[in-house]
PDB file of N, CA and C in Angstrom:
ATOM      1  N   MET A   1       8.736 -24.070  23.304  1.00  0.00           N
ATOM      2  CA  MET A   1       8.024 -22.810  23.200  1.00  0.00           C
ATOM      3  C   MET A   1       6.524 -23.090  23.088  1.00  0.00           C
ATOM      4  N   LEU A   2       5.747 -22.316  23.797  1.00  0.00           N
ATOM      5  CA  LEU A   2       4.302 -22.503  23.775  1.00  0.00           C
ATOM      6  C   LEU A   2       3.723 -22.064  22.442  1.00  0.00           C
ATOM      7  N   ASP A   3       2.748 -22.830  21.985  1.00  0.00           N
ATOM      8  CA  ASP A   3       2.049 -22.514  20.749  1.00  0.00           C
ATOM      9  C   ASP A   3       0.768 -21.764  21.113  1.00  0.00           C
ATOM     10  N   LEU A   4       0.674 -20.520  20.688  1.00  0.00           N
ATOM     11  CA  LEU A   4      -0.497 -19.701  21.023  1.00  0.00           C
ATOM     12  C   LEU A   4      -1.781 -20.266  20.439  1.00  0.00           C
ATOM     13  N   ASN A   5      -1.689 -21.016  19.349  1.00  0.00           N
ATOM     14  CA  ASN A   5      -2.884 -21.632  18.771  1.00  0.00           C
ATOM     15  C   ASN A   5      -3.489 -22.655  19.728  1.00  0.00           C
ATOM     16  N   GLU A   6      -2.634 -23.429  20.408  1.00  0.00           N
ATOM     17  CA  GLU A   6      -3.146 -24.392  21.384  1.00  0.00           C
ATOM     18  C   GLU A   6      -3.778 -23.674  22.577  1.00  0.00           C
ATOM     19  N   ILE A   7      -3.158 -22.586  23.007  1.00  0.00           N
ATOM     20  CA  ILE A   7      -3.737 -21.805  24.108  1.00  0.00           C
ATOM     21  C   ILE A   7      -5.084 -21.231  23.679  1.00  0.00           C
ATOM     22  N   ALA A   8      -5.156 -20.742  22.445  1.00  0.00           N
ATOM     23  CA  ALA A   8      -6.412 -20.187  21.930  1.00  0.00           C
ATOM     24  C   ALA A   8      -7.506 -21.248  21.863  1.00  0.00           C
ATOM     25  N   LEU A   9      -7.141 -22.501  21.663  1.00  0.00           N
ATOM     26  CA  LEU A   9      -8.128 -23.585  21.669  1.00  0.00           C
ATOM     27  C   LEU A   9      -8.508 -23.984  23.090  1.00  0.00           C
ATOM     28  N   PHE A  10      -7.562 -23.868  24.002  1.00  0.00           N
ATOM     29  CA  PHE A  10      -7.820 -24.266  25.382  1.00  0.00           C
ATOM     30  C   PHE A  10      -8.906 -23.412  26.038  1.00  0.00           C
ATOM     31  N   VAL A  11      -8.868 -22.115  25.809  1.00  0.00           N
ATOM     32  CA  VAL A  11      -9.792 -21.203  26.502  1.00  0.00           C
ATOM     33  C   VAL A  11     -11.253 -21.568  26.246  1.00  0.00           C
ATOM     34  N   PRO A  12     -11.704 -21.750  24.994  1.00  0.00           N
ATOM     35  CA  PRO A  12     -13.114 -22.124  24.820  1.00  0.00           C
ATOM     36  C   PRO A  12     -13.446 -23.510  25.374  1.00  0.00           C
ATOM     37  N   VAL A  13     -12.497 -24.440  25.331  1.00  0.00           N
ATOM     38  CA  VAL A  13     -12.741 -25.760  25.936  1.00  0.00           C
ATOM     39  C   VAL A  13     -12.966 -25.594  27.434  1.00  0.00           C
ATOM     40  N   ALA A  14     -12.131 -24.788  28.072  1.00  0.00           N
ATOM     41  CA  ALA A  14     -12.262 -24.555  29.510  1.00  0.00           C
ATOM     42  C   ALA A  14     -13.588 -23.879  29.835  1.00  0.00           C
ATOM     43  N   ARG A  15     -13.972 -22.930  29.033  1.00  0.00           N
ATOM     44  CA  ARG A  15     -15.230 -22.208  29.292  1.00  0.00           C
ATOM     45  C   ARG A  15     -16.454 -23.074  29.033  1.00  0.00           C
ATOM     46  N   ASN A  16     -16.408 -23.891  27.971  1.00  0.00           N
ATOM     47  CA  ASN A  16     -17.543 -24.757  27.638  1.00  0.00           C
ATOM     48  C   ASN A  16     -17.584 -26.009  28.503  1.00  0.00           C
ATOM     49  N   GLY A  17     -16.416 -26.435  28.992  1.00  0.00           N
ATOM     50  CA  GLY A  17     -16.361 -27.660  29.782  1.00  0.00           C
ATOM     51  C   GLY A  17     -16.596 -28.911  28.968  1.00  0.00           C
ATOM     52  N   SER A  18     -16.399 -28.793  27.638  1.00  0.00           N
ATOM     53  CA  SER A  18     -16.688 -29.929  26.771  1.00  0.00           C
ATOM     54  C   SER A  18     -15.870 -29.852  25.487  1.00  0.00           C
ATOM     55  N   PHE A  19     -15.188 -30.962  25.154  1.00  0.00           N
ATOM     56  CA  PHE A  19     -14.503 -31.030  23.865  1.00  0.00           C
ATOM     57  C   PHE A  19     -15.524 -31.056  22.737  1.00  0.00           C
ATOM     58  N   THR A  20     -16.586 -31.838  22.918  1.00  0.00           N
ATOM     59  CA  THR A  20     -17.579 -32.014  21.862  1.00  0.00           C
ATOM     60  C   THR A  20     -18.250 -30.699  21.504  1.00  0.00           C
ATOM     61  N   GLU A  21     -18.700 -29.961  22.499  1.00  0.00           N
ATOM     62  CA  GLU A  21     -19.373 -28.683  22.250  1.00  0.00           C
ATOM     63  C   GLU A  21     -18.413 -27.673  21.630  1.00  0.00           C
ATOM     64  N   THR A  22     -17.209 -27.594  22.130  1.00  0.00           N
ATOM     65  CA  THR A  22     -16.222 -26.658  21.583  1.00  0.00           C
ATOM     66  C   THR A  22     -15.875 -27.031  20.152  1.00  0.00           C
ATOM     67  N   ALA A  23     -15.670 -28.312  19.900  1.00  0.00           N
ATOM     68  CA  ALA A  23     -15.350 -28.773  18.546  1.00  0.00           C
ATOM     69  C   ALA A  23     -16.481 -28.430  17.583  1.00  0.00           C
ATOM     70  N   ARG A  24     -17.710 -28.616  18.026  1.00  0.00           N
ATOM     71  CA  ARG A  24     -18.863 -28.289  17.175  1.00  0.00           C
ATOM     72  C   ARG A  24     -18.868 -26.803  16.843  1.00  0.00           C
ATOM     73  N   ARG A  25     -18.654 -25.964  17.843  1.00  0.00           N
ATOM     74  CA  ARG A  25     -18.660 -24.513  17.629  1.00  0.00           C
ATOM     75  C   ARG A  25     -17.518 -24.051  16.730  1.00  0.00           C
ATOM     76  N   LEU A  26     -16.361 -24.718  16.842  1.00  0.00           N
ATOM     77  CA  LEU A  26     -15.192 -24.329  16.050  1.00  0.00           C
ATOM     78  C   LEU A  26     -15.129 -25.037  14.701  1.00  0.00           C
ATOM     79  N   GLY A  27     -15.983 -26.040  14.506  1.00  0.00           N
ATOM     80  CA  GLY A  27     -15.955 -26.799  13.262  1.00  0.00           C
ATOM     81  C   GLY A  27     -14.716 -27.675  13.143  1.00  0.00           C
ATOM     82  N   THR A  28     -14.261 -28.192  14.280  1.00  0.00           N
ATOM     83  CA  THR A  28     -13.056 -29.021  14.352  1.00  0.00           C
ATOM     84  C   THR A  28     -13.428 -30.367  14.962  1.00  0.00           C
ATOM     85  N   PRO A  29     -12.875 -31.468  14.465  1.00  0.00           N
ATOM     86  CA  PRO A  29     -13.152 -32.761  15.108  1.00  0.00           C
ATOM     87  C   PRO A  29     -12.700 -32.752  16.571  1.00  0.00           C
ATOM     88  N   SER A  30     -13.491 -33.340  17.452  1.00  0.00           N
ATOM     89  CA  SER A  30     -13.168 -33.316  18.878  1.00  0.00           C
ATOM     90  C   SER A  30     -11.872 -34.058  19.189  1.00  0.00           C
ATOM     91  N   ASN A  31     -11.553 -35.114  18.431  1.00  0.00           N
ATOM     92  CA  ASN A  31     -10.295 -35.818  18.705  1.00  0.00           C
ATOM     93  C   ASN A  31      -9.090 -34.955  18.334  1.00  0.00           C
ATOM     94  N   THR A  32      -9.214 -34.121  17.299  1.00  0.00           N
ATOM     95  CA  THR A  32      -8.143 -33.189  16.936  1.00  0.00           C
ATOM     96  C   THR A  32      -7.947 -32.171  18.052  1.00  0.00           C
ATOM     97  N   LEU A  33      -9.038 -31.656  18.557  1.00  0.00           N
ATOM     98  CA  LEU A  33      -8.995 -30.688  19.653  1.00  0.00           C
ATOM     99  C   LEU A  33      -8.337 -31.306  20.891  1.00  0.00           C
ATOM    100  N   SER A  34      -8.710 -32.521  21.209  1.00  0.00           N
ATOM    101  CA  SER A  34      -8.135 -33.217  22.358  1.00  0.00           C
ATOM    102  C   SER A  34      -6.627 -33.412  22.192  1.00  0.00           C
ATOM    103  N   HIS A  35      -6.198 -33.814  21.009  1.00  0.00           N
ATOM    104  CA  HIS A  35      -4.762 -34.020  20.762  1.00  0.00           C
ATOM    105  C   HIS A  35      -3.982 -32.714  20.852  1.00  0.00           C
ATOM    106  N   ARG A  36      -4.564 -31.634  20.364  1.00  0.00           N
ATOM    107  CA  ARG A  36      -3.869 -30.341  20.421  1.00  0.00           C
ATOM    108  C   ARG A  36      -3.721 -29.871  21.865  1.00  0.00           C
ATOM    109  N   LEU A  37      -4.737 -30.128  22.683  1.00  0.00           N
ATOM    110  CA  LEU A  37      -4.639 -29.732  24.086  1.00  0.00           C
ATOM    111  C   LEU A  37      -3.684 -30.639  24.860  1.00  0.00           C
ATOM    112  N   GLN A  38      -3.590 -31.894  24.468  1.00  0.00           N
ATOM    113  CA  GLN A  38      -2.580 -32.768  25.075  1.00  0.00           C
ATOM    114  C   GLN A  38      -1.182 -32.255  24.743  1.00  0.00           C
ATOM    115  N   LYS A  39      -1.010 -31.753  23.529  1.00  0.00           N
ATOM    116  CA  LYS A  39       0.275 -31.173  23.130  1.00  0.00           C
ATOM    117  C   LYS A  39       0.605 -29.972  24.024  1.00  0.00           C
ATOM    118  N   LEU A  40      -0.388 -29.118  24.286  1.00  0.00           N
ATOM    119  CA  LEU A  40      -0.187 -27.968  25.167  1.00  0.00           C
ATOM    120  C   LEU A  40       0.206 -28.434  26.565  1.00  0.00           C
ATOM    121  N   GLU A  41      -0.499 -29.424  27.081  1.00  0.00           N
ATOM    122  CA  GLU A  41      -0.173 -29.951  28.403  1.00  0.00           C
ATOM    123  C   GLU A  41       1.258 -30.498  28.438  1.00  0.00           C
ATOM    124  N   ASN A  42       1.665 -31.162  27.380  1.00  0.00           N
ATOM    125  CA  ASN A  42       3.038 -31.680  27.310  1.00  0.00           C
ATOM    126  C   ASN A  42       4.048 -30.543  27.298  1.00  0.00           C
ATOM    127  N   GLN A  43       3.745 -29.469  26.574  1.00  0.00           N
ATOM    128  CA  GLN A  43       4.646 -28.316  26.527  1.00  0.00           C
ATOM    129  C   GLN A  43       4.764 -27.659  27.900  1.00  0.00           C
ATOM    130  N   LEU A  44       3.670 -27.618  28.638  1.00  0.00           N
ATOM    131  CA  LEU A  44       3.663 -27.011  29.971  1.00  0.00           C
ATOM    132  C   LEU A  44       4.216 -27.954  31.037  1.00  0.00           C
ATOM    133  N   GLY A  45       4.224 -29.234  30.719  1.00  0.00           N
ATOM    134  CA  GLY A  45       4.703 -30.221  31.681  1.00  0.00           C
ATOM    135  C   GLY A  45       3.715 -30.507  32.788  1.00  0.00           C
ATOM    136  N   THR A  46       2.435 -30.236  32.543  1.00  0.00           N
ATOM    137  CA  THR A  46       1.396 -30.483  33.543  1.00  0.00           C
ATOM    138  C   THR A  46       0.055 -30.660  32.855  1.00  0.00           C
ATOM    139  N   ARG A  47      -0.856 -31.304  33.551  1.00  0.00           N
ATOM    140  CA  ARG A  47      -2.209 -31.465  33.015  1.00  0.00           C
ATOM    141  C   ARG A  47      -3.033 -30.244  33.356  1.00  0.00           C
ATOM    142  N   LEU A  48      -3.847 -29.830  32.405  1.00  0.00           N
ATOM    143  CA  LEU A  48      -4.748 -28.699  32.607  1.00  0.00           C
ATOM    144  C   LEU A  48      -6.172 -29.168  32.874  1.00  0.00           C
ATOM    145  N   LEU A  49      -6.524 -30.303  32.303  1.00  0.00           N
ATOM    146  CA  LEU A  49      -7.892 -30.795  32.381  1.00  0.00           C
ATOM    147  C   LEU A  49      -7.924 -32.215  32.910  1.00  0.00           C
ATOM    148  N   GLN A  50      -8.931 -32.478  33.712  1.00  0.00           N
ATOM    149  CA  GLN A  50      -9.223 -33.846  34.094  1.00  0.00           C
ATOM    150  C   GLN A  50     -10.287 -34.301  33.113  1.00  0.00           C
ATOM    151  N   ARG A  51     -10.091 -35.453  32.486  1.00  0.00           N
ATOM    152  CA  ARG A  51     -10.961 -35.875  31.404  1.00  0.00           C
ATOM    153  C   ARG A  51     -11.796 -37.106  31.781  1.00  0.00           C
ATOM    154  N   PRO A  52     -12.823 -36.927  32.587  1.00  0.00           N
ATOM    155  CA  PRO A  52     -13.718 -38.066  32.828  1.00  0.00           C
ATOM    156  C   PRO A  52     -14.587 -38.290  31.582  1.00  0.00           C
ATOM    157  N   THR A  53     -15.506 -39.194  31.654  1.00  0.00           N
ATOM    158  CA  THR A  53     -16.300 -39.522  30.471  1.00  0.00           C
ATOM    159  C   THR A  53     -17.294 -38.439  30.078  1.00  0.00           C
ATOM    160  N   ARG A  54     -17.684 -37.578  30.977  1.00  0.00           N
ATOM    161  CA  ARG A  54     -18.691 -36.575  30.629  1.00  0.00           C
ATOM    162  C   ARG A  54     -18.179 -35.145  30.672  1.00  0.00           C
ATOM    163  N   LYS A  55     -18.116 -34.558  31.810  1.00  0.00           N
ATOM    164  CA  LYS A  55     -17.778 -33.141  31.957  1.00  0.00           C
ATOM    165  C   LYS A  55     -16.310 -32.966  32.312  1.00  0.00           C
ATOM    166  N   LEU A  56     -15.643 -32.031  31.629  1.00  0.00           N
ATOM    167  CA  LEU A  56     -14.242 -31.737  31.921  1.00  0.00           C
ATOM    168  C   LEU A  56     -14.131 -30.943  33.215  1.00  0.00           C
ATOM    169  N   THR A  57     -13.053 -31.143  33.926  1.00  0.00           N
ATOM    170  CA  THR A  57     -12.782 -30.394  35.145  1.00  0.00           C
ATOM    171  C   THR A  57     -11.468 -29.656  34.975  1.00  0.00           C
ATOM    172  N   LEU A  58     -11.487 -28.349  35.244  1.00  0.00           N
ATOM    173  CA  LEU A  58     -10.261 -27.556  35.166  1.00  0.00           C
ATOM    174  C   LEU A  58      -9.388 -27.838  36.376  1.00  0.00           C
ATOM    175  N   LEU A  59      -8.114 -28.049  36.132  1.00  0.00           N
ATOM    176  CA  LEU A  59      -7.158 -28.202  37.218  1.00  0.00           C
ATOM    177  C   LEU A  59      -6.609 -26.826  37.572  1.00  0.00           C
ATOM    178  N   THR A  60      -5.850 -26.714  38.635  1.00  0.00           N
ATOM    179  CA  THR A  60      -5.435 -25.423  39.197  1.00  0.00           C
ATOM    180  C   THR A  60      -4.790 -24.489  38.186  1.00  0.00           C
ATOM    181  N   LEU A  61      -3.790 -24.952  37.439  1.00  0.00           N
ATOM    182  CA  LEU A  61      -3.115 -24.094  36.468  1.00  0.00           C
ATOM    183  C   LEU A  61      -4.089 -23.609  35.401  1.00  0.00           C
ATOM    184  N   ALA A  62      -5.008 -24.461  35.001  1.00  0.00           N
ATOM    185  CA  ALA A  62      -5.984 -24.102  33.978  1.00  0.00           C
ATOM    186  C   ALA A  62      -6.880 -22.963  34.455  1.00  0.00           C
ATOM    187  N   LYS A  63      -7.207 -22.954  35.717  1.00  0.00           N
ATOM    188  CA  LYS A  63      -8.040 -21.881  36.258  1.00  0.00           C
ATOM    189  C   LYS A  63      -7.325 -20.541  36.142  1.00  0.00           C
ATOM    190  N   HIS A  64      -6.005 -20.537  36.325  1.00  0.00           N
ATOM    191  CA  HIS A  64      -5.226 -19.304  36.170  1.00  0.00           C
ATOM    192  C   HIS A  64      -5.219 -18.841  34.719  1.00  0.00           C
ATOM    193  N   PHE A  65      -5.100 -19.793  33.778  1.00  0.00           N
ATOM    194  CA  PHE A  65      -5.122 -19.452  32.356  1.00  0.00           C
ATOM    195  C   PHE A  65      -6.442 -18.784  31.982  1.00  0.00           C
ATOM    196  N   THR A  66      -7.551 -19.398  32.380  1.00  0.00           N
ATOM    197  CA  THR A  66      -8.851 -18.884  31.961  1.00  0.00           C
ATOM    198  C   THR A  66      -9.198 -17.573  32.643  1.00  0.00           C
ATOM    199  N   SER A  67      -8.727 -17.361  33.857  1.00  0.00           N
ATOM    200  CA  SER A  67      -9.024 -16.088  34.523  1.00  0.00           C
ATOM    201  C   SER A  67      -8.245 -14.945  33.889  1.00  0.00           C
ATOM    202  N   SER A  68      -7.137 -15.262  33.225  1.00  0.00           N
ATOM    203  CA  SER A  68      -6.324 -14.238  32.561  1.00  0.00           C
ATOM    204  C   SER A  68      -6.742 -13.997  31.123  1.00  0.00           C
ATOM    205  N   ALA A  69      -7.521 -14.905  30.555  1.00  0.00           N
ATOM    206  CA  ALA A  69      -7.881 -14.806  29.127  1.00  0.00           C
ATOM    207  C   ALA A  69      -9.050 -13.882  28.898  1.00  0.00           C
TER     208      ALA A  69
END
């Protein structure tokens, strides 16, 4: 079952394009945020974000999530 808390964390990460910036705004450690979003991806059975060293890239399913949020 999907955890709405993880989805609620995903939307600002997708909009900001950054774990660090989102974590700062939410007052949450960025590694905690990253782990929670990995949990969401595992629940969905697909990756939502491509995680290079700098800027996050939304993958196809993630674009559908953010357009609906």
